[in-house]
Amino acid sequence: MNRNFSRFLSSSIAVSIAALVSISSAADPDNTHAGRSSSYTNLTNESLEAVSTPDAILTMSKSLVEFPNSVAPTAMWTMLEHGERVECLDCIPYVSKLLYASSPKTREISAWWLRRRIFGVFGPGEVYQQTLNAVTDQSQSEATRAFAAAALGEFLDGGGIVPVATALSKDSSPMVRLAAANALVRLNNQGPNQELAAALTDGDEQVRLAALNGATRVNVFTGVDKLAGMISDPSAAMRRRAAETLGTMKLADAVVGLIAITTAQAEPDAGVRAAAVWALGQIADPQARDAVSAALNDTDSGVRDAARISLFRL
């Protein structure tokens, strides 16, 4: 009986498999994608993403390095994104050169791909070590140093903090210092000696803005005492961003300074006045009520709107 049952079961399974194969063969191959939600059964095979092969990554990255205009940047981005987990030691020397490509996105996606490699990137003398050295190597061009700093930010490895912070505090090129400031923010670090806070007084406006941007983005920022002074910066863009930062951080010590720049007589830029009034509402110190109420009569509608909103919090 058991033997007969086993034969019956085997025959039934064989017939079922044959039926499934027959149905699959008859069905439209474009509509049979295992694991796909039934909501997407009508999508064609062309809509599926294919994993990049090592040979494809090597060929495209080599072509882009040797002939920069021979490959569309978007094609390279797609190739690397679809090869996130593809190991290709031969590809690394070529992809590492793309860290210095003219396209910011190409540089970013190349660093993103490289930081996922198990071998060939983080060993002594390999790509990461070369990038660390390039940041502070003054014999390199400012573009190379800046791109190396940006790459270290994208590698998301703590080993890049010190060289990037050193570049931010010591490099003579604003381009390099700006890249270094952004890299520190990307690394979620203010620098071992508060280099990010020190950059708030940098001679270049873009560097100061990047440092100010970092104040509210890194987990630990101990240069808060320097932020209040930024509302007197020569740049209106800096003053506005400083006021917004003070409001975001709800720094009560900044209330007096913010009140001082809510009038057109003290602050000619309406954007700065609006940011100051908004910040006072965020801090919600009652002593700012009179200044915010007075801002209801400002000649600029943006300032008046900010005052109306802030009064709800005071």
Foldseek 3Di string as FASTA:
>chain_A
DVVVVVVVVVVVVVVVVVVVVVVCVVDDVQQDDPPDDPVCSPHGPVVDQAAAALVRLQVVLVCCQVPVPPDDLVVNLSNLVSPLPPAHLNNLVSLLVQLLPPDPVSVLSSLSSLLSYPDQAPDPPGSLVVLLVQLPPPVDDLSSNLSSLLSLLSSLDPVNQASLLCCLVDPPDPSNNLSSLLSCLSNLHCGPVNSLLVQCPPPDPSSNVSSLVSCVRRPDHDNVVSLLVQLPPPDPVSNLSSLLSCLVVLDPVNLVVLLQQLDCVRHVDPSNNLSSLLSCLSNLDVVSLVSLVVQCPPPDPSSNVSSVVSNVSD
